[in-house]
Amino acid sequence: MDFMPNETEPAQKLADGFKGQVSCILPEARRRFCATHPLSRQLYITDIGFYPHAKQHSRERPLGCAQYVLIYCIKGSGWYKLKGQLFAVEANQYFILPAGQTHEYGANEETPWSIYWVHFTGEEADTIFRFLNTRKQNGPWAVTPSPMRQMIFDDMLHHLEFMNHVENIIYANCNLYAFLTSFKQIQLKAHDTKNNPIQAAIDYMKNNLDKNLTLEELAQSVNISPSHLSALFRQTTKYSPISLFTSLKIQKAGRLLQESENNIKTVSHMLGYEDQYHFSRVFKKIMGVSPKQFRSKAN
């Protein structure tokens, strides 16, 4: 099987920006909280996401990453380089990239992978890595598909989207243990979940991050009144609908600043902000640093 990255024909390489993707980056203040709180300091998430059919996906870190990186391929195929070795990755395989080590990875050109990925660190991160990587070889591990595993991941990501509540951060990080250890555990039965107006509205937001949606438009998308939608959001999430929409926009902005070469003005326009200075003020209010400072730290 030809899994080698294409090194002869020029092609656009993408670190981010795939249709249907979902991702979340914890701001520095939240990372510091996780690193010191007794319920999260042993193991916590810094970045997390899902990339479906990630065509032309490629990521190279010459200096490695400050956290461990787990990538779980659920469909398609890809590859990664570690310690001078090149490995093929197929569906239902995962691999972990050790912190601080040069690495590179990407999707297969003909059958691009769909991946769940998470960056994790903490006092027990090394222990978890050794638990999941019990052999000396660096190749990927095969794993039995598990709807429960994917449900846990979706639940972690969902709760981190509401990171203004520290309870949600603690909850997501406690579930990280279940997600990671599921790769070494027998398959569990999945539980059915039903759609609801809150989730439907959130999905609509995620599909329209380039727009400036009003409360009325959000309510219309789920066929309920604006006042009812606001009441449901505040009761369930403690956010107003527009506050959550803004938070999702800034999360997307963080990923674009971290993994693309677009300038700040372009990023602001991609997320519906005509005034880049207004965008910068909103970004700093939520993430704790300016877009320029955020990009500098990411690089």
C-alpha atoms as a PDB file:
ATOM      1  CA  MET A   1       0.000   0.000   0.000  1.00  0.00           C
ATOM      2  CA  ASP A   2       1.294   3.440  -0.925  1.00  0.00           C
ATOM      3  CA  PHE A   3       0.979   5.558   2.196  1.00  0.00           C
ATOM      4  CA  MET A   4       4.009   7.780   1.646  1.00  0.00           C
ATOM      5  CA  PRO A   5       3.412  11.544   1.797  1.00  0.00           C
ATOM      6  CA  ASN A   6       3.659  13.136  -1.627  1.00  0.00           C
ATOM      7  CA  GLU A   7       7.066  14.791  -1.840  1.00  0.00           C
ATOM      8  CA  THR A   8       7.255  15.250  -5.614  1.00  0.00           C
ATOM      9  CA  GLU A   9       4.071  17.055  -6.587  1.00  0.00           C
ATOM     10  CA  PRO A  10       3.239  20.430  -5.010  1.00  0.00           C
ATOM     11  CA  ALA A  11      -0.024  20.374  -3.088  1.00  0.00           C
ATOM     12  CA  GLN A  12      -1.620  22.629  -0.551  1.00  0.00           C
ATOM     13  CA  LYS A  13      -1.065  21.265   2.945  1.00  0.00           C
ATOM     14  CA  LEU A  14      -3.694  22.025   5.552  1.00  0.00           C
ATOM     15  CA  ALA A  15      -3.376  21.974   9.318  1.00  0.00           C
ATOM     16  CA  ASP A  16      -6.982  23.045   9.777  1.00  0.00           C
ATOM     17  CA  GLY A  17     -10.127  24.134   7.984  1.00  0.00           C
ATOM     18  CA  PHE A  18     -11.992  20.930   7.115  1.00  0.00           C
ATOM     19  CA  LYS A  19     -15.727  20.857   6.458  1.00  0.00           C
ATOM     20  CA  GLY A  20     -17.559  19.626   9.531  1.00  0.00           C
ATOM     21  CA  GLN A  21     -14.571  19.890  11.846  1.00  0.00           C
ATOM     22  CA  VAL A  22     -14.975  20.660  15.538  1.00  0.00           C
ATOM     23  CA  SER A  23     -12.175  21.792  17.837  1.00  0.00           C
ATOM     24  CA  CYS A  24     -11.506  23.596  21.097  1.00  0.00           C
ATOM     25  CA  ILE A  25      -8.410  25.314  22.509  1.00  0.00           C
ATOM     26  CA  LEU A  26      -8.122  26.112  26.196  1.00  0.00           C
ATOM     27  CA  PRO A  27      -6.953  29.682  26.903  1.00  0.00           C
ATOM     28  CA  GLU A  28      -3.831  30.160  29.006  1.00  0.00           C
ATOM     29  CA  ALA A  29      -5.834  31.056  32.112  1.00  0.00           C
ATOM     30  CA  ARG A  30      -7.802  27.812  31.892  1.00  0.00           C
ATOM     31  CA  ARG A  31      -4.618  25.804  31.345  1.00  0.00           C
ATOM     32  CA  ARG A  32      -3.099  27.330  34.472  1.00  0.00           C
ATOM     33  CA  PHE A  33      -6.269  26.451  36.357  1.00  0.00           C
ATOM     34  CA  CYS A  34      -6.047  22.828  35.187  1.00  0.00           C
ATOM     35  CA  ALA A  35      -2.357  22.628  36.081  1.00  0.00           C
ATOM     36  CA  THR A  36      -3.022  23.619  39.700  1.00  0.00           C
ATOM     37  CA  HIS A  37      -6.480  22.274  40.547  1.00  0.00           C
ATOM     38  CA  PRO A  38      -6.284  19.013  42.538  1.00  0.00           C
ATOM     39  CA  LEU A  39      -8.935  17.352  40.352  1.00  0.00           C
ATOM     40  CA  SER A  40      -7.263  18.118  37.027  1.00  0.00           C
ATOM     41  CA  ARG A  41      -3.557  18.710  37.522  1.00  0.00           C
ATOM     42  CA  GLN A  42      -2.716  15.018  37.116  1.00  0.00           C
ATOM     43  CA  LEU A  43      -4.177  14.824  33.600  1.00  0.00           C
ATOM     44  CA  TYR A  44      -5.853  17.520  31.530  1.00  0.00           C
ATOM     45  CA  ILE A  45      -6.729  18.568  27.987  1.00  0.00           C
ATOM     46  CA  THR A  46      -5.187  21.600  26.285  1.00  0.00           C
ATOM     47  CA  ASP A  47      -6.534  21.093  22.736  1.00  0.00           C
ATOM     48  CA  ILE A  48      -9.127  18.714  21.325  1.00  0.00           C
ATOM     49  CA  GLY A  49     -10.953  18.191  18.055  1.00  0.00           C
ATOM     50  CA  PHE A  50     -12.453  16.067  15.296  1.00  0.00           C
ATOM     51  CA  TYR A  51     -11.441  16.373  11.621  1.00  0.00           C
ATOM     52  CA  PRO A  52     -13.717  14.489   9.176  1.00  0.00           C
ATOM     53  CA  HIS A  53     -12.382  13.526   5.726  1.00  0.00           C
ATOM     54  CA  ALA A  54      -9.344  15.751   6.308  1.00  0.00           C
ATOM     55  CA  LYS A  55      -8.128  15.980   2.717  1.00  0.00           C
ATOM     56  CA  GLN A  56      -4.573  17.346   2.402  1.00  0.00           C
ATOM     57  CA  HIS A  57      -4.234  17.418   6.180  1.00  0.00           C
ATOM     58  CA  SER A  58      -0.598  17.785   7.207  1.00  0.00           C
ATOM     59  CA  ARG A  59       1.171  18.928  10.360  1.00  0.00           C
ATOM     60  CA  GLU A  60       4.893  19.237  11.019  1.00  0.00           C
ATOM     61  CA  ARG A  61       6.423  20.170  14.371  1.00  0.00           C
ATOM     62  CA  PRO A  62      10.231  20.342  14.141  1.00  0.00           C
ATOM     63  CA  LEU A  63      10.456  21.057  17.879  1.00  0.00           C
ATOM     64  CA  GLY A  64       7.683  18.687  18.854  1.00  0.00           C
ATOM     65  CA  CYS A  65       4.731  19.646  21.027  1.00  0.00           C
ATOM     66  CA  ALA A  66       4.611  20.599  24.702  1.00  0.00           C
ATOM     67  CA  GLN A  67       1.873  18.004  25.260  1.00  0.00           C
ATOM     68  CA  TYR A  68       1.302  14.390  24.285  1.00  0.00           C
ATOM     69  CA  VAL A  69      -0.783  14.119  21.111  1.00  0.00           C
ATOM     70  CA  LEU A  70      -3.165  11.198  20.582  1.00  0.00           C
ATOM     71  CA  ILE A  71      -4.636  10.724  17.107  1.00  0.00           C
ATOM     72  CA  TYR A  72      -7.378   8.147  16.569  1.00  0.00           C
ATOM     73  CA  CYS A  73      -8.255   7.306  12.955  1.00  0.00           C
ATOM     74  CA  ILE A  74     -11.857   6.132  12.542  1.00  0.00           C
ATOM     75  CA  LYS A  75     -12.012   6.184   8.738  1.00  0.00           C
ATOM     76  CA  GLY A  76      -9.650   6.493   5.791  1.00  0.00           C
ATOM     77  CA  SER A  77      -5.898   6.396   6.250  1.00  0.00           C
ATOM     78  CA  GLY A  78      -2.852   8.527   6.921  1.00  0.00           C
ATOM     79  CA  TRP A  79       0.751   8.423   8.084  1.00  0.00           C
ATOM     80  CA  TYR A  80       3.144   9.826  10.642  1.00  0.00           C
ATOM     81  CA  LYS A  81       6.884  10.214  11.137  1.00  0.00           C
ATOM     82  CA  LEU A  82       8.554   9.762  14.508  1.00  0.00           C
ATOM     83  CA  LYS A  83      12.206   9.174  15.399  1.00  0.00           C
ATOM     84  CA  GLY A  84      13.124   8.957  11.725  1.00  0.00           C
ATOM     85  CA  GLN A  85      10.566   6.245  10.986  1.00  0.00           C
ATOM     86  CA  LEU A  86       7.512   6.471   8.738  1.00  0.00           C
ATOM     87  CA  PHE A  87       4.343   4.600   9.719  1.00  0.00           C
ATOM     88  CA  ALA A  88       1.063   3.940   7.909  1.00  0.00           C
ATOM     89  CA  VAL A  89      -2.184   4.484   9.800  1.00  0.00           C
ATOM     90  CA  GLU A  90      -5.448   2.774   8.862  1.00  0.00           C
ATOM     91  CA  ALA A  91      -9.017   3.033  10.144  1.00  0.00           C
ATOM     92  CA  ASN A  92      -9.458   1.817  13.730  1.00  0.00           C
ATOM     93  CA  GLN A  93      -5.868   2.573  14.667  1.00  0.00           C
ATOM     94  CA  TYR A  94      -4.418   5.157  17.021  1.00  0.00           C
ATOM     95  CA  PHE A  95      -0.984   6.485  17.868  1.00  0.00           C
ATOM     96  CA  ILE A  96       0.502   8.789  20.483  1.00  0.00           C
ATOM     97  CA  LEU A  97       3.236  11.320  19.822  1.00  0.00           C
ATOM     98  CA  PRO A  98       5.455  11.879  22.879  1.00  0.00           C
ATOM     99  CA  ALA A  99       5.840  15.407  24.183  1.00  0.00           C
ATOM    100  CA  GLY A 100       8.906  17.277  23.014  1.00  0.00           C
ATOM    101  CA  GLN A 101       9.793  15.006  20.080  1.00  0.00           C
ATOM    102  CA  THR A 102      10.019  16.059  16.437  1.00  0.00           C
ATOM    103  CA  HIS A 103       7.141  14.635  14.450  1.00  0.00           C
ATOM    104  CA  GLU A 104       5.062  14.973  11.315  1.00  0.00           C
ATOM    105  CA  TYR A 105       1.758  13.484  10.232  1.00  0.00           C
ATOM    106  CA  GLY A 106      -0.850  13.769   7.522  1.00  0.00           C
ATOM    107  CA  ALA A 107      -3.752  12.255   5.628  1.00  0.00           C
ATOM    108  CA  ASN A 108      -3.464   9.808   2.750  1.00  0.00           C
ATOM    109  CA  GLU A 109      -4.095  11.635  -0.532  1.00  0.00           C
ATOM    110  CA  GLU A 110      -6.454   9.035  -1.995  1.00  0.00           C
ATOM    111  CA  THR A 111      -8.303   8.065   1.191  1.00  0.00           C
ATOM    112  CA  PRO A 112      -8.020  11.008   3.633  1.00  0.00           C
ATOM    113  CA  TRP A 113      -8.486  10.077   7.239  1.00  0.00           C
ATOM    114  CA  SER A 114     -11.171  11.145   9.694  1.00  0.00           C
ATOM    115  CA  ILE A 115      -9.567  11.602  13.098  1.00  0.00           C
ATOM    116  CA  TYR A 116     -10.287  12.343  16.707  1.00  0.00           C
ATOM    117  CA  TRP A 117      -7.321  14.086  18.316  1.00  0.00           C
ATOM    118  CA  VAL A 118      -6.436  15.397  21.749  1.00  0.00           C
ATOM    119  CA  HIS A 119      -3.440  17.124  23.323  1.00  0.00           C
ATOM    120  CA  PHE A 120      -3.011  16.172  26.981  1.00  0.00           C
ATOM    121  CA  THR A 121      -0.529  16.845  29.751  1.00  0.00           C
ATOM    122  CA  GLY A 122      -0.308  16.829  33.540  1.00  0.00           C
ATOM    123  CA  GLU A 123       1.558  15.136  36.365  1.00  0.00           C
ATOM    124  CA  GLU A 124       0.385  11.661  35.284  1.00  0.00           C
ATOM    125  CA  ALA A 125       0.617  12.176  31.509  1.00  0.00           C
ATOM    126  CA  ASP A 126       3.803  10.096  31.334  1.00  0.00           C
ATOM    127  CA  THR A 127       2.081   7.287  33.235  1.00  0.00           C
ATOM    128  CA  ILE A 128      -0.883   7.302  30.854  1.00  0.00           C
ATOM    129  CA  PHE A 129       1.477   7.276  27.874  1.00  0.00           C
ATOM    130  CA  ARG A 130       3.295   4.228  29.215  1.00  0.00           C
ATOM    131  CA  PHE A 131      -0.022   2.511  29.928  1.00  0.00           C
ATOM    132  CA  LEU A 132      -1.188   3.024  26.340  1.00  0.00           C
ATOM    133  CA  ASN A 133       2.187   2.425  24.713  1.00  0.00           C
ATOM    134  CA  THR A 134       3.386  -0.795  26.332  1.00  0.00           C
ATOM    135  CA  ARG A 135       5.807  -1.866  23.601  1.00  0.00           C
ATOM    136  CA  LYS A 136       9.119  -0.428  22.471  1.00  0.00           C
ATOM    137  CA  GLN A 137       8.097  -0.021  18.828  1.00  0.00           C
ATOM    138  CA  ASN A 138       6.584   3.279  17.700  1.00  0.00           C
ATOM    139  CA  GLY A 139       3.955   1.911  15.292  1.00  0.00           C
ATOM    140  CA  PRO A 140       0.197   2.511  15.576  1.00  0.00           C
ATOM    141  CA  TRP A 141      -2.115   0.337  17.668  1.00  0.00           C
ATOM    142  CA  ALA A 142      -5.212  -1.406  16.310  1.00  0.00           C
ATOM    143  CA  VAL A 143      -8.353  -0.918  18.391  1.00  0.00           C
ATOM    144  CA  THR A 144     -11.913  -2.229  18.291  1.00  0.00           C
ATOM    145  CA  PRO A 145     -14.434   0.466  17.233  1.00  0.00           C
ATOM    146  CA  SER A 146     -16.466   1.695  20.190  1.00  0.00           C
ATOM    147  CA  PRO A 147     -19.530   3.968  20.017  1.00  0.00           C
ATOM    148  CA  MET A 148     -19.048   4.612  23.726  1.00  0.00           C
ATOM    149  CA  ARG A 149     -15.513   5.895  23.114  1.00  0.00           C
ATOM    150  CA  GLN A 150     -16.789   8.352  20.522  1.00  0.00           C
ATOM    151  CA  MET A 151     -19.625   9.401  22.813  1.00  0.00           C
ATOM    152  CA  ILE A 152     -17.156  10.151  25.623  1.00  0.00           C
ATOM    153  CA  PHE A 153     -15.041  12.212  23.232  1.00  0.00           C
ATOM    154  CA  ASP A 154     -18.038  14.193  21.978  1.00  0.00           C
ATOM    155  CA  ASP A 155     -19.092  14.780  25.581  1.00  0.00           C
ATOM    156  CA  MET A 156     -15.646  16.103  26.548  1.00  0.00           C
ATOM    157  CA  LEU A 157     -15.570  18.436  23.562  1.00  0.00           C
ATOM    158  CA  HIS A 158     -19.120  19.626  24.204  1.00  0.00           C
ATOM    159  CA  HIS A 159     -18.396  20.522  27.832  1.00  0.00           C
ATOM    160  CA  LEU A 160     -15.155  22.312  26.985  1.00  0.00           C
ATOM    161  CA  GLU A 161     -17.129  24.577  24.666  1.00  0.00           C
ATOM    162  CA  PHE A 162     -18.694  25.922  27.887  1.00  0.00           C
ATOM    163  CA  MET A 163     -15.365  26.493  29.586  1.00  0.00           C
ATOM    164  CA  ASN A 164     -16.432  29.600  31.473  1.00  0.00           C
ATOM    165  CA  HIS A 165     -17.716  27.121  34.064  1.00  0.00           C
ATOM    166  CA  VAL A 166     -14.837  25.433  35.852  1.00  0.00           C
ATOM    167  CA  GLU A 167     -17.159  22.537  36.647  1.00  0.00           C
ATOM    168  CA  ASN A 168     -17.296  21.726  32.933  1.00  0.00           C
ATOM    169  CA  ILE A 169     -13.504  21.749  32.673  1.00  0.00           C
ATOM    170  CA  ILE A 170     -13.186  19.386  35.630  1.00  0.00           C
ATOM    171  CA  TYR A 171     -15.885  17.148  34.162  1.00  0.00           C
ATOM    172  CA  ALA A 172     -14.181  16.970  30.758  1.00  0.00           C
ATOM    173  CA  ASN A 173     -10.776  16.224  32.250  1.00  0.00           C
ATOM    174  CA  CYS A 174     -12.154  13.493  34.495  1.00  0.00           C
ATOM    175  CA  ASN A 175     -13.697  11.927  31.387  1.00  0.00           C
ATOM    176  CA  LEU A 176     -10.307  12.090  29.688  1.00  0.00           C
ATOM    177  CA  TYR A 177      -9.255   9.135  31.846  1.00  0.00           C
ATOM    178  CA  ALA A 178     -12.208   7.114  30.531  1.00  0.00           C
ATOM    179  CA  PHE A 179     -11.511   8.102  26.931  1.00  0.00           C
ATOM    180  CA  LEU A 180      -7.811   7.248  27.008  1.00  0.00           C
ATOM    181  CA  THR A 181      -8.151   4.016  28.943  1.00  0.00           C
ATOM    182  CA  SER A 182     -10.947   2.878  26.594  1.00  0.00           C
ATOM    183  CA  PHE A 183      -8.226   2.085  24.063  1.00  0.00           C
ATOM    184  CA  LYS A 184      -7.122  -0.721  26.392  1.00  0.00           C
ATOM    185  CA  GLN A 185     -10.554  -1.782  27.586  1.00  0.00           C
ATOM    186  CA  ILE A 186     -13.306  -4.048  26.274  1.00  0.00           C
ATOM    187  CA  GLN A 187     -16.030  -2.472  24.151  1.00  0.00           C
ATOM    188  CA  LEU A 188     -19.035  -1.031  25.960  1.00  0.00           C
ATOM    189  CA  LYS A 189     -22.586  -0.573  24.718  1.00  0.00           C
ATOM    190  CA  ALA A 190     -23.521   2.854  23.434  1.00  0.00           C
ATOM    191  CA  HIS A 191     -26.470   4.851  24.702  1.00  0.00           C
ATOM    192  CA  ASP A 192     -28.848   6.574  22.294  1.00  0.00           C
ATOM    193  CA  THR A 193     -29.038  10.350  22.417  1.00  0.00           C
ATOM    194  CA  LYS A 194     -31.842  12.544  21.106  1.00  0.00           C
ATOM    195  CA  ASN A 195     -31.617  15.921  19.429  1.00  0.00           C
ATOM    196  CA  ASN A 196     -32.926  18.932  21.309  1.00  0.00           C
ATOM    197  CA  PRO A 197     -33.374  22.637  20.506  1.00  0.00           C
ATOM    198  CA  ILE A 198     -30.203  23.593  22.371  1.00  0.00           C
ATOM    199  CA  GLN A 199     -27.980  21.177  20.459  1.00  0.00           C
ATOM    200  CA  ALA A 200     -29.726  21.978  17.176  1.00  0.00           C
ATOM    201  CA  ALA A 201     -29.059  25.687  17.718  1.00  0.00           C
ATOM    202  CA  ILE A 202     -25.418  25.007  18.605  1.00  0.00           C
ATOM    203  CA  ASP A 203     -24.996  22.920  15.455  1.00  0.00           C
ATOM    204  CA  TYR A 204     -26.502  25.778  13.436  1.00  0.00           C
ATOM    205  CA  MET A 205     -24.027  28.187  15.039  1.00  0.00           C
ATOM    206  CA  LYS A 206     -21.081  25.949  14.175  1.00  0.00           C
ATOM    207  CA  ASN A 207     -22.178  25.810  10.542  1.00  0.00           C
ATOM    208  CA  ASN A 208     -22.451  29.601  10.316  1.00  0.00           C
ATOM    209  CA  LEU A 209     -19.414  30.965  12.140  1.00  0.00           C
ATOM    210  CA  ASP A 210     -18.702  33.275   9.198  1.00  0.00           C
ATOM    211  CA  LYS A 211     -22.007  35.093   9.717  1.00  0.00           C
ATOM    212  CA  ASN A 212     -23.355  37.585  12.240  1.00  0.00           C
ATOM    213  CA  LEU A 213     -26.439  35.710  13.353  1.00  0.00           C
ATOM    214  CA  THR A 214     -29.097  37.420  15.439  1.00  0.00           C
ATOM    215  CA  LEU A 215     -31.088  35.857  18.250  1.00  0.00           C
ATOM    216  CA  GLU A 216     -34.130  35.883  15.977  1.00  0.00           C
ATOM    217  CA  GLU A 217     -32.280  33.941  13.264  1.00  0.00           C
ATOM    218  CA  LEU A 218     -31.054  31.368  15.762  1.00  0.00           C
ATOM    219  CA  ALA A 219     -34.551  30.911  17.151  1.00  0.00           C
ATOM    220  CA  GLN A 220     -36.009  30.579  13.668  1.00  0.00           C
ATOM    221  CA  SER A 221     -33.477  27.843  12.848  1.00  0.00           C
ATOM    222  CA  VAL A 222     -34.971  25.621  15.578  1.00  0.00           C
ATOM    223  CA  ASN A 223     -38.587  26.813  15.245  1.00  0.00           C
ATOM    224  CA  ILE A 224     -39.027  28.342  18.684  1.00  0.00           C
ATOM    225  CA  SER A 225     -39.408  31.917  19.897  1.00  0.00           C
ATOM    226  CA  PRO A 226     -36.343  34.053  20.727  1.00  0.00           C
ATOM    227  CA  SER A 227     -37.436  34.415  24.351  1.00  0.00           C
ATOM    228  CA  HIS A 228     -37.901  30.654  24.714  1.00  0.00           C
ATOM    229  CA  LEU A 229     -34.489  29.955  23.170  1.00  0.00           C
ATOM    230  CA  SER A 230     -32.809  32.441  25.504  1.00  0.00           C
ATOM    231  CA  ALA A 231     -34.505  30.915  28.524  1.00  0.00           C
ATOM    232  CA  LEU A 232     -33.473  27.394  27.500  1.00  0.00           C
ATOM    233  CA  PHE A 233     -29.857  28.456  26.955  1.00  0.00           C
ATOM    234  CA  ARG A 234     -29.543  30.277  30.254  1.00  0.00           C
ATOM    235  CA  GLN A 235     -31.183  27.436  32.145  1.00  0.00           C
ATOM    236  CA  THR A 236     -29.056  24.742  30.506  1.00  0.00           C
ATOM    237  CA  THR A 237     -25.715  26.385  29.701  1.00  0.00           C
ATOM    238  CA  LYS A 238     -25.639  29.648  31.708  1.00  0.00           C
ATOM    239  CA  TYR A 239     -24.772  31.354  28.405  1.00  0.00           C
ATOM    240  CA  SER A 240     -26.984  33.548  26.285  1.00  0.00           C
ATOM    241  CA  PRO A 241     -27.239  32.212  22.706  1.00  0.00           C
ATOM    242  CA  ILE A 242     -25.235  35.121  21.309  1.00  0.00           C
ATOM    243  CA  SER A 243     -22.544  34.794  23.999  1.00  0.00           C
ATOM    244  CA  LEU A 244     -22.043  31.155  23.095  1.00  0.00           C
ATOM    245  CA  PHE A 245     -21.989  31.999  19.388  1.00  0.00           C
ATOM    246  CA  THR A 246     -19.255  34.556  20.058  1.00  0.00           C
ATOM    247  CA  SER A 247     -17.289  32.021  22.105  1.00  0.00           C
ATOM    248  CA  LEU A 248     -17.461  29.473  19.263  1.00  0.00           C
ATOM    249  CA  LYS A 249     -16.253  32.122  16.806  1.00  0.00           C
ATOM    250  CA  ILE A 250     -13.255  32.917  18.986  1.00  0.00           C
ATOM    251  CA  GLN A 251     -12.427  29.225  19.380  1.00  0.00           C
ATOM    252  CA  LYS A 252     -12.376  28.947  15.603  1.00  0.00           C
ATOM    253  CA  ALA A 253     -10.249  32.084  15.404  1.00  0.00           C
ATOM    254  CA  GLY A 254      -7.743  30.541  17.793  1.00  0.00           C
ATOM    255  CA  ARG A 255      -7.393  27.471  15.604  1.00  0.00           C
ATOM    256  CA  LEU A 256      -6.950  29.609  12.468  1.00  0.00           C
ATOM    257  CA  LEU A 257      -4.313  31.762  14.155  1.00  0.00           C
ATOM    258  CA  GLN A 258      -2.520  28.702  15.461  1.00  0.00           C
ATOM    259  CA  GLU A 259      -2.439  26.611  12.312  1.00  0.00           C
ATOM    260  CA  SER A 260      -2.802  28.905   9.296  1.00  0.00           C
ATOM    261  CA  GLU A 261      -0.793  31.766   7.840  1.00  0.00           C
ATOM    262  CA  ASN A 262      -3.792  34.076   7.416  1.00  0.00           C
ATOM    263  CA  ASN A 263      -3.219  37.515   8.892  1.00  0.00           C
ATOM    264  CA  ILE A 264      -5.387  38.776  11.732  1.00  0.00           C
ATOM    265  CA  LYS A 265      -7.528  40.933   9.459  1.00  0.00           C
ATOM    266  CA  THR A 266      -8.289  37.971   7.206  1.00  0.00           C
ATOM    267  CA  VAL A 267      -9.144  35.760  10.179  1.00  0.00           C
ATOM    268  CA  SER A 268     -11.503  38.407  11.532  1.00  0.00           C
ATOM    269  CA  HIS A 269     -13.277  38.658   8.163  1.00  0.00           C
ATOM    270  CA  MET A 270     -13.553  34.860   7.927  1.00  0.00           C
ATOM    271  CA  LEU A 271     -15.546  34.940  11.155  1.00  0.00           C
ATOM    272  CA  GLY A 272     -17.845  37.796  10.218  1.00  0.00           C
ATOM    273  CA  TYR A 273     -15.961  40.648  11.909  1.00  0.00           C
ATOM    274  CA  GLU A 274     -15.602  43.574   9.523  1.00  0.00           C
ATOM    275  CA  ASP A 275     -13.595  45.578  12.080  1.00  0.00           C
ATOM    276  CA  GLN A 276     -10.405  43.720  12.980  1.00  0.00           C
ATOM    277  CA  TYR A 277      -9.873  45.907  16.060  1.00  0.00           C
ATOM    278  CA  HIS A 278     -13.284  44.985  17.419  1.00  0.00           C
ATOM    279  CA  PHE A 279     -12.409  41.349  16.724  1.00  0.00           C
ATOM    280  CA  SER A 280      -9.122  41.760  18.626  1.00  0.00           C
ATOM    281  CA  ARG A 281     -10.914  43.221  21.643  1.00  0.00           C
ATOM    282  CA  VAL A 282     -13.433  40.370  21.708  1.00  0.00           C
ATOM    283  CA  PHE A 283     -10.655  37.794  21.270  1.00  0.00           C
ATOM    284  CA  LYS A 284      -8.614  39.197  24.161  1.00  0.00           C
ATOM    285  CA  LYS A 285     -11.655  39.357  26.424  1.00  0.00           C
ATOM    286  CA  ILE A 286     -12.342  35.645  25.923  1.00  0.00           C
ATOM    287  CA  MET A 287      -8.853  34.165  25.459  1.00  0.00           C
ATOM    288  CA  GLY A 288      -6.950  36.443  27.814  1.00  0.00           C
ATOM    289  CA  VAL A 289      -4.381  37.541  25.221  1.00  0.00           C
ATOM    290  CA  SER A 290      -4.502  39.444  21.936  1.00  0.00           C
ATOM    291  CA  PRO A 291      -4.620  37.545  18.626  1.00  0.00           C
ATOM    292  CA  LYS A 292      -1.016  38.578  17.966  1.00  0.00           C
ATOM    293  CA  GLN A 293       0.160  37.314  21.361  1.00  0.00           C
ATOM    294  CA  PHE A 294      -1.818  34.084  20.937  1.00  0.00           C
ATOM    295  CA  ARG A 295      -0.208  33.374  17.569  1.00  0.00           C
ATOM    296  CA  SER A 296       3.246  34.151  18.936  1.00  0.00           C
ATOM    297  CA  LYS A 297       2.795  31.662  21.796  1.00  0.00           C
ATOM    298  CA  ALA A 298       1.402  29.008  19.455  1.00  0.00           C
ATOM    299  CA  ASN A 299       4.451  29.286  17.214  1.00  0.00           C
END
